[in-house]
Amino acid sequence: MQKQTNRLVNTLATRIEDILEERKKEALFRSLRTTENLIDFCSNDYLGFAQSEKLKTAIHQQTMDGNFPTGATGSRLLAGNTAFVEDLEKQIANFHKATAGLIFNSGYDANVGLLSSIPQKNDVLITDELIHASMIDGARLSYATRYKFKHNDVEDLAKKLNKIEEDKANNLALKNIQVFVAIESVYSMDGDLAPLAEICQLCSEFGANLIVDEAHATGVFGKHGEGLLNELNLEDKVFARVITFGKALGCHGAIVLGSNSLRDYLINFARAFIYTTAAPIHSHISVKCAYDLMQSASFSNQNLHHLIQFFQKQASLHPTIDLIASTSAIQCILIPGNENCRAVAGTLQAKGLDIRPIVSPTVPKGKERLRICLHDFNTEAEILQIFEVLNKL
């Protein structure tokens, strides 16, 4: 029996090693690394909140003022709920002009919890082909029939919605199904914006429920960083929004915004919310302080938008640079080929610029790119360094 157990363990160990070796051969192997003393063009800290002394001071003061436990000690349905987090949910919902909200431990949990629980059997879930992995995983866990539409292609989405209407007309069993459309307002790997007005209009015409992930729009768009939906006055046109705290807010966690009924439903059926220990209260204090800062009269994201425009102007001066069109903080330069893209990124890093390669299969083959994240704390001189290095390659 012992020999058989050892043989099984050895077989599994060999299989794991073989899979990893194959990944290395294909130049797809991922590994963890640390960065020191590099100019940050990599992080999602768009507003610089993660390193803000003003925010750190506010968090420290509020934490010291209260007698808080170090951990939540349980799920929010047991020992982990507090009046503080419920008040925070109301503050965030009001800020984004939503009726209610429910905080999750991460953006991943929020998307998985929402998309896995809301669509029911025979419902239809249509997703943009480039949605985030967390939305894909949530969709896979749902009971809905799933379809994808071409990225940001309103015409293709309309075709899918028309086909579903035809199916409903020809099958009485489908008469009362719900249709959901899931997109991002700003896409994480391309940095481009969804045609929100057109998609909202289309969903309204077909009675589809729109779900929008605003992870990369929060803090960047809107006068006070409310997000792209708020900037376009479309917040009332969606069924649910996912707002994350780990990017522009410099904190951790996420919230699903929607109706009171949606909040109650997620409390009852979202497994990613129910079966996990809640975040500690000092995490929620950090989020509250970040929102207080965004709501303050002194808040501005205009310098960030100036740097975005400056970056695009510099890119336009170099016709050989293949820049993906984007008005967000995410700017991508196409460098086809995994090894080639990694080599260019390595050269930039050697010059003190923390710019990372995004390679296949994360993005399609031939669409490998340098993903450059701009921040409020970057400077024009730092941006110029990028193009100086690229021009010499």
Protein backbone atom coordinates (compact mmCIF):
# COMPACT_ATOMS: atom_id res chain seq x y z
CA MET A 1 0.00 0.00 0.00
CA GLN A 2 2.86 2.37 0.88
CA LYS A 3 4.56 1.66 -2.47
CA GLN A 4 1.33 2.44 -4.33
CA THR A 5 0.93 5.73 -2.44
CA ASN A 6 4.51 6.74 -3.20
CA ARG A 7 4.00 5.88 -6.86
CA LEU A 8 0.88 8.07 -7.03
CA VAL A 9 2.67 10.96 -5.33
CA ASN A 10 5.65 10.64 -7.66
CA THR A 11 3.37 10.48 -10.69
CA LEU A 12 1.57 13.66 -9.62
CA ALA A 13 4.84 15.44 -8.84
CA THR A 14 6.19 14.48 -12.25
CA ARG A 15 3.04 15.68 -13.98
CA ILE A 16 3.20 19.05 -12.22
CA GLU A 17 6.87 19.46 -13.13
CA ASP A 18 6.20 18.48 -16.76
CA ILE A 19 3.40 21.01 -17.06
CA LEU A 20 5.59 23.76 -15.64
CA GLU A 21 8.48 22.80 -17.91
CA GLU A 22 6.20 22.96 -20.95
CA ARG A 23 5.04 26.39 -19.88
CA LYS A 24 8.66 27.56 -19.66
CA LYS A 25 9.38 26.23 -23.15
CA GLU A 26 6.44 28.21 -24.50
CA ALA A 27 7.68 31.37 -22.73
CA LEU A 28 4.48 31.45 -20.67
CA PHE A 29 5.92 30.77 -17.22
CA ARG A 30 4.84 33.23 -14.54
CA SER A 31 6.84 34.00 -11.41
CA LEU A 32 6.62 36.47 -8.57
CA ARG A 33 9.05 39.35 -8.37
CA THR A 34 9.65 42.48 -6.36
CA THR A 35 10.57 45.89 -7.70
CA GLU A 36 12.63 48.55 -6.00
CA ASN A 37 13.62 52.05 -7.03
CA LEU A 38 11.83 51.91 -10.38
CA ILE A 39 9.55 54.61 -11.74
CA ASP A 40 6.03 53.24 -11.40
CA PHE A 41 4.25 52.74 -14.72
CA CYS A 42 2.89 49.37 -13.62
CA SER A 43 0.56 49.67 -10.63
CA ASN A 44 -3.14 50.50 -10.62
CA ASP A 45 -2.54 53.31 -8.10
CA TYR A 46 -3.91 55.86 -10.57
CA LEU A 47 -4.49 58.65 -8.04
CA GLY A 48 -1.49 57.88 -5.88
CA PHE A 49 -3.73 57.14 -2.89
CA ALA A 50 -1.71 54.07 -1.89
CA GLN A 51 1.23 56.34 -1.11
CA SER A 52 -0.70 59.43 -0.01
CA GLU A 53 0.54 60.80 3.31
CA LYS A 54 -2.77 62.62 3.74
CA LEU A 55 -4.68 59.35 3.39
CA LYS A 56 -2.25 57.48 5.66
CA THR A 57 -2.70 60.11 8.37
CA ALA A 58 -6.50 59.97 8.15
CA ILE A 59 -6.49 56.16 8.34
CA HIS A 60 -4.12 56.16 11.31
CA GLN A 61 -6.18 58.74 13.19
CA GLN A 62 -9.50 56.95 12.68
CA THR A 63 -7.97 53.60 13.59
CA MET A 64 -6.44 54.96 16.79
CA ASP A 65 -9.67 56.73 17.76
CA GLY A 66 -11.61 53.47 17.95
CA ASN A 67 -11.27 50.31 20.01
CA PHE A 68 -11.39 47.92 17.06
CA PRO A 69 -10.50 44.21 16.94
CA THR A 70 -7.69 43.15 14.61
CA GLY A 71 -9.96 40.78 12.68
CA ALA A 72 -13.62 40.50 11.74
CA THR A 73 -13.80 37.10 13.52
CA GLY A 74 -16.41 35.67 11.16
CA SER A 75 -18.56 36.15 8.08
CA ARG A 76 -20.88 39.13 8.02
CA LEU A 77 -23.83 36.80 8.53
CA LEU A 78 -22.29 35.68 11.83
CA ALA A 79 -19.88 37.78 13.92
CA GLY A 80 -18.29 39.88 11.17
CA ASN A 81 -20.89 42.59 10.54
CA THR A 82 -20.61 46.09 12.00
CA ALA A 83 -22.57 49.33 11.95
CA PHE A 84 -19.41 50.90 10.51
CA VAL A 85 -19.42 48.79 7.34
CA GLU A 86 -23.17 49.25 6.84
CA ASP A 87 -22.76 53.03 7.12
CA LEU A 88 -19.83 52.81 4.70
CA GLU A 89 -21.98 50.94 2.17
CA LYS A 90 -24.55 53.74 2.36
CA GLN A 91 -21.85 56.41 1.95
CA ILE A 92 -20.41 54.70 -1.13
CA ALA A 93 -23.86 54.11 -2.67
CA ASN A 94 -24.76 57.78 -2.20
CA PHE A 95 -21.44 58.87 -3.70
CA HIS A 96 -22.06 56.83 -6.85
CA LYS A 97 -25.78 57.76 -6.96
CA ALA A 98 -26.96 54.21 -6.30
CA THR A 99 -29.75 52.99 -4.04
CA ALA A 100 -27.73 50.42 -2.11
CA GLY A 101 -24.49 48.50 -2.03
CA LEU A 102 -22.90 45.37 -0.59
CA ILE A 103 -19.18 45.18 0.15
CA PHE A 104 -17.20 42.09 -0.86
CA ASN A 105 -13.65 41.17 0.16
CA SER A 106 -12.25 41.71 -3.36
CA GLY A 107 -13.24 42.63 -6.88
CA TYR A 108 -12.85 38.98 -7.81
CA ASP A 109 -15.29 37.95 -5.07
CA ALA A 110 -17.74 40.66 -6.12
CA ASN A 111 -17.85 39.59 -9.77
CA VAL A 112 -17.97 35.88 -8.96
CA GLY A 113 -20.64 36.39 -6.30
CA LEU A 114 -22.81 38.56 -8.54
CA LEU A 115 -22.58 36.68 -11.82
CA SER A 116 -22.77 33.19 -10.34
CA SER A 117 -25.93 33.86 -8.33
CA ILE A 118 -28.16 36.29 -10.22
CA PRO A 119 -28.76 34.53 -13.58
CA GLN A 120 -31.02 31.50 -13.19
CA LYS A 121 -31.49 28.35 -15.27
CA ASN A 122 -32.57 29.18 -18.85
CA ASP A 123 -31.60 32.84 -18.38
CA VAL A 124 -29.11 34.24 -20.89
CA LEU A 125 -25.83 35.96 -20.04
CA ILE A 126 -24.07 37.84 -22.85
CA THR A 127 -20.55 39.06 -22.16
CA ASP A 128 -18.02 41.15 -24.02
CA GLU A 129 -15.26 38.83 -25.24
CA LEU A 130 -12.63 40.80 -23.31
CA ILE A 131 -14.22 40.92 -19.86
CA HIS A 132 -12.02 40.33 -16.83
CA ALA A 133 -11.17 36.81 -15.68
CA SER A 134 -13.24 37.28 -12.53
CA MET A 135 -16.34 38.00 -14.62
CA ILE A 136 -15.61 34.98 -16.79
CA ASP A 137 -15.30 32.75 -13.73
CA GLY A 138 -18.53 34.09 -12.27
CA ALA A 139 -20.32 33.51 -15.58
CA ARG A 140 -19.02 29.95 -15.76
CA LEU A 141 -20.46 29.22 -12.32
CA SER A 142 -23.91 30.50 -13.24
CA TYR A 143 -26.79 28.40 -14.55
CA ALA A 144 -27.33 30.75 -17.48
CA THR A 145 -26.86 30.04 -21.17
CA ARG A 146 -23.79 32.06 -22.11
CA TYR A 147 -22.83 33.94 -25.25
CA LYS A 148 -19.99 36.33 -26.11
CA PHE A 149 -20.14 39.35 -28.40
CA LYS A 150 -17.22 40.95 -30.23
CA HIS A 151 -15.33 43.47 -28.15
CA ASN A 152 -17.19 46.80 -27.94
CA ASP A 153 -19.20 45.81 -31.03
CA VAL A 154 -22.71 47.18 -30.50
CA GLU A 155 -23.92 45.71 -33.80
CA ASP A 156 -22.81 42.21 -32.79
CA LEU A 157 -24.47 42.61 -29.39
CA ALA A 158 -27.68 43.67 -31.15
CA LYS A 159 -27.55 40.51 -33.28
CA LYS A 160 -27.23 38.37 -30.15
CA LEU A 161 -30.14 40.14 -28.47
CA ASN A 162 -32.28 39.82 -31.61
CA LYS A 163 -31.56 36.09 -31.79
CA ILE A 164 -32.63 35.66 -28.18
CA GLU A 165 -35.87 37.53 -28.89
CA GLU A 166 -36.55 35.17 -31.79
CA ASP A 167 -35.87 32.15 -29.59
CA LYS A 168 -38.27 33.47 -26.95
CA ALA A 169 -40.98 34.04 -29.56
CA ASN A 170 -40.63 30.48 -30.84
CA ASN A 171 -40.40 28.75 -27.46
CA LEU A 172 -42.97 29.42 -24.74
CA ALA A 173 -40.64 27.89 -22.15
CA LEU A 174 -38.29 30.83 -22.69
CA LYS A 175 -40.97 33.50 -22.47
CA ASN A 176 -40.10 34.71 -18.97
CA ILE A 177 -36.32 34.33 -19.00
CA GLN A 178 -34.08 37.23 -18.03
CA VAL A 179 -31.26 38.44 -20.26
CA PHE A 180 -28.07 39.89 -18.77
CA VAL A 181 -25.26 41.79 -20.49
CA ALA A 182 -21.92 42.03 -18.67
CA ILE A 183 -19.21 44.50 -19.67
CA GLU A 184 -16.44 46.69 -18.26
CA SER A 185 -16.56 50.47 -18.60
CA VAL A 186 -12.76 50.56 -19.00
CA TYR A 187 -11.04 47.38 -20.15
CA SER A 188 -8.03 46.34 -18.13
CA MET A 189 -5.80 44.98 -20.89
CA ASP A 190 -6.54 47.51 -23.66
CA GLY A 191 -7.52 50.55 -21.60
CA ASP A 192 -10.29 51.37 -24.07
CA LEU A 193 -13.75 52.54 -23.05
CA ALA A 194 -17.00 50.71 -23.65
CA PRO A 195 -19.60 52.51 -25.80
CA LEU A 196 -21.78 52.84 -22.71
CA ALA A 197 -24.49 55.11 -24.12
CA GLU A 198 -25.13 52.80 -27.06
CA ILE A 199 -25.07 49.63 -24.95
CA CYS A 200 -27.38 51.18 -22.35
CA GLN A 201 -29.82 52.16 -25.10
CA LEU A 202 -29.68 48.68 -26.63
CA CYS A 203 -30.28 46.97 -23.30
CA SER A 204 -33.22 49.27 -22.67
CA GLU A 205 -34.77 48.44 -26.05
CA PHE A 206 -34.47 44.69 -25.45
CA GLY A 207 -35.24 44.71 -21.74
CA ALA A 208 -31.80 43.30 -20.92
CA ASN A 209 -30.15 43.81 -17.52
CA LEU A 210 -26.78 45.54 -17.80
CA ILE A 211 -23.93 44.74 -15.39
CA VAL A 212 -20.88 47.02 -15.54
CA ASP A 213 -17.50 46.55 -13.88
CA GLU A 214 -16.08 50.02 -13.14
CA ALA A 215 -12.80 48.82 -11.60
CA HIS A 216 -10.55 50.88 -13.88
CA ALA A 217 -12.92 53.84 -14.20
CA THR A 218 -13.41 54.59 -10.50
CA GLY A 219 -11.29 57.55 -9.45
CA VAL A 220 -10.25 58.28 -13.03
CA PHE A 221 -13.56 59.41 -14.54
CA GLY A 222 -16.12 61.74 -13.01
CA LYS A 223 -15.46 65.09 -11.33
CA HIS A 224 -14.80 63.37 -8.02
CA GLY A 225 -13.86 59.97 -9.44
CA GLU A 226 -17.38 58.56 -9.39
CA GLY A 227 -16.74 56.51 -12.52
CA LEU A 228 -17.60 56.60 -16.20
CA LEU A 229 -21.29 55.78 -15.78
CA ASN A 230 -21.71 58.75 -13.46
CA GLU A 231 -19.71 61.01 -15.77
CA LEU A 232 -22.10 60.12 -18.61
CA ASN A 233 -25.20 60.30 -16.36
CA LEU A 234 -26.01 56.66 -17.10
CA GLU A 235 -26.01 55.30 -13.55
CA ASP A 236 -29.79 54.76 -13.65
CA LYS A 237 -29.53 52.68 -16.84
CA VAL A 238 -27.76 49.69 -15.31
CA PHE A 239 -28.89 46.75 -13.19
CA ALA A 240 -25.65 46.49 -11.20
CA ARG A 241 -22.22 48.08 -10.94
CA VAL A 242 -19.03 46.66 -9.47
CA ILE A 243 -16.73 49.24 -7.90
CA THR A 244 -13.34 48.10 -6.63
CA PHE A 245 -11.17 49.68 -3.94
CA GLY A 246 -7.79 48.18 -4.86
CA LYS A 247 -6.94 50.40 -7.80
CA ALA A 248 -7.41 54.19 -7.76
CA LEU A 249 -8.52 54.13 -4.12
CA GLY A 250 -5.32 52.43 -2.99
CA CYS A 251 -7.14 50.09 -0.61
CA HIS A 252 -8.69 46.61 -0.91
CA GLY A 253 -12.15 45.17 -1.51
CA ALA A 254 -15.13 45.98 -3.71
CA ILE A 255 -18.80 46.83 -3.64
CA VAL A 256 -21.76 45.78 -5.79
CA LEU A 257 -24.15 48.68 -6.32
CA GLY A 258 -27.81 48.30 -7.23
CA SER A 259 -31.25 48.11 -5.67
CA ASN A 260 -32.14 47.17 -2.10
CA SER A 261 -33.55 43.92 -3.45
CA LEU A 262 -30.26 43.13 -5.20
CA ARG A 263 -28.38 43.72 -1.95
CA ASP A 264 -30.72 41.40 -0.04
CA TYR A 265 -30.47 38.78 -2.78
CA LEU A 266 -26.68 38.76 -2.69
CA ILE A 267 -26.67 38.46 1.09
CA ASN A 268 -28.83 35.36 0.70
CA PHE A 269 -27.36 33.71 -2.40
CA ALA A 270 -23.86 35.01 -3.23
CA ARG A 271 -21.59 32.26 -1.94
CA ALA A 272 -18.51 34.49 -2.30
CA PHE A 273 -20.12 36.78 0.29
CA ILE A 274 -21.73 34.21 2.59
CA TYR A 275 -18.94 31.70 3.09
CA THR A 276 -15.94 33.87 3.88
CA THR A 277 -14.64 35.81 6.85
CA ALA A 278 -15.34 39.52 6.45
CA ALA A 279 -12.52 41.99 5.95
CA PRO A 280 -11.20 43.53 9.20
CA ILE A 281 -12.59 46.90 10.18
CA HIS A 282 -9.26 48.68 9.61
CA SER A 283 -9.62 47.70 5.93
CA HIS A 284 -13.06 49.35 5.87
CA ILE A 285 -11.62 52.41 7.63
CA SER A 286 -9.08 52.74 4.82
CA VAL A 287 -11.86 52.63 2.23
CA LYS A 288 -13.91 55.24 4.10
CA CYS A 289 -10.93 57.58 4.33
CA ALA A 290 -10.28 57.16 0.60
CA TYR A 291 -13.89 58.06 -0.21
CA ASP A 292 -13.72 61.02 2.18
CA LEU A 293 -10.68 62.22 0.24
CA MET A 294 -12.44 61.85 -3.13
CA GLN A 295 -15.47 63.72 -1.78
CA SER A 296 -13.37 66.60 -0.47
CA ALA A 297 -13.32 69.98 -2.19
CA SER A 298 -9.58 69.66 -2.83
CA PHE A 299 -9.89 66.45 -4.88
CA SER A 300 -8.96 66.61 -8.56
CA ASN A 301 -8.04 64.04 -11.19
CA GLN A 302 -7.23 66.68 -13.81
CA ASN A 303 -3.46 66.27 -13.54
CA LEU A 304 -3.88 62.59 -14.36
CA HIS A 305 -5.87 63.46 -17.48
CA HIS A 306 -3.24 66.01 -18.45
CA LEU A 307 -0.58 63.29 -18.26
CA ILE A 308 -2.75 60.94 -20.33
CA GLN A 309 -3.03 63.59 -23.05
CA PHE A 310 0.70 64.32 -22.84
CA PHE A 311 1.52 60.62 -23.24
CA GLN A 312 -0.73 60.35 -26.30
CA LYS A 313 0.82 63.45 -27.87
CA GLN A 314 4.32 62.03 -27.42
CA ALA A 315 3.23 58.69 -28.89
CA SER A 316 1.79 60.47 -31.94
CA LEU A 317 5.22 61.98 -32.64
CA HIS A 318 6.61 58.49 -33.20
CA PRO A 319 4.78 56.85 -36.14
CA THR A 320 6.39 53.45 -35.52
CA ILE A 321 4.72 53.17 -32.11
CA ASP A 322 1.51 51.13 -32.34
CA LEU A 323 -0.63 52.61 -29.57
CA ILE A 324 -4.06 51.20 -28.71
CA ALA A 325 -6.57 54.06 -28.65
CA SER A 326 -7.47 54.90 -25.06
CA THR A 327 -8.40 57.95 -23.00
CA SER A 328 -8.01 56.07 -19.72
CA ALA A 329 -4.98 55.76 -17.45
CA ILE A 330 -4.09 52.48 -19.19
CA GLN A 331 -1.99 53.05 -22.32
CA CYS A 332 -0.82 50.05 -24.34
CA ILE A 333 1.89 49.81 -26.99
CA LEU A 334 1.69 46.69 -29.17
CA ILE A 335 4.92 44.66 -29.34
CA PRO A 336 4.02 41.36 -31.11
CA GLY A 337 5.61 38.15 -29.84
CA ASN A 338 6.03 37.00 -26.25
CA GLU A 339 9.82 36.98 -26.26
CA ASN A 340 10.09 40.26 -28.15
CA CYS A 341 7.63 41.98 -25.83
CA ARG A 342 9.44 40.68 -22.74
CA ALA A 343 12.78 41.83 -24.16
CA VAL A 344 11.54 45.39 -24.75
CA ALA A 345 10.02 45.51 -21.27
CA GLY A 346 13.31 44.25 -19.84
CA THR A 347 15.19 47.06 -21.55
CA LEU A 348 12.80 49.65 -20.12
CA GLN A 349 13.12 48.14 -16.65
CA ALA A 350 16.91 48.21 -16.93
CA LYS A 351 16.56 51.96 -17.51
CA GLY A 352 14.59 52.32 -14.28
CA LEU A 353 11.06 52.23 -15.74
CA ASP A 354 8.67 49.70 -14.22
CA ILE A 355 6.75 48.71 -17.35
CA ARG A 356 5.48 45.17 -17.69
CA PRO A 357 4.82 43.01 -20.76
CA ILE A 358 1.37 41.53 -21.25
CA VAL A 359 1.77 38.39 -23.33
CA SER A 360 -0.37 35.58 -24.69
CA PRO A 361 -2.44 33.76 -23.58
CA THR A 362 -3.48 36.71 -21.39
CA VAL A 363 -3.94 38.60 -24.67
CA PRO A 364 -4.32 37.08 -28.16
CA LYS A 365 -1.18 36.02 -30.02
CA GLY A 366 0.16 38.91 -32.07
CA LYS A 367 -1.43 41.41 -29.67
CA GLU A 368 1.25 41.28 -26.99
CA ARG A 369 1.85 44.71 -25.53
CA LEU A 370 3.54 46.95 -23.03
CA ARG A 371 0.87 47.95 -20.53
CA ILE A 372 1.70 51.41 -19.25
CA CYS A 373 -0.32 52.72 -16.32
CA LEU A 374 -0.21 56.45 -15.75
CA HIS A 375 -0.60 57.99 -12.32
CA ASP A 376 -1.21 61.38 -10.80
CA PHE A 377 2.32 61.27 -9.34
CA ASN A 378 4.10 60.62 -12.64
CA THR A 379 5.77 63.53 -14.44
CA GLU A 380 6.16 64.63 -18.03
CA ALA A 381 9.91 64.02 -17.74
CA GLU A 382 9.29 60.41 -16.69
CA ILE A 383 6.97 59.88 -19.64
CA LEU A 384 9.58 61.30 -22.01
CA GLN A 385 12.05 58.71 -20.71
CA ILE A 386 9.79 55.95 -22.04
CA PHE A 387 9.92 57.27 -25.59
CA GLU A 388 13.64 58.02 -25.40
CA VAL A 389 14.30 54.35 -24.63
CA LEU A 390 11.86 53.06 -27.26
CA ASN A 391 13.40 55.28 -29.94
CA LYS A 392 16.78 53.63 -29.44
CA LEU A 393 15.48 50.08 -29.91
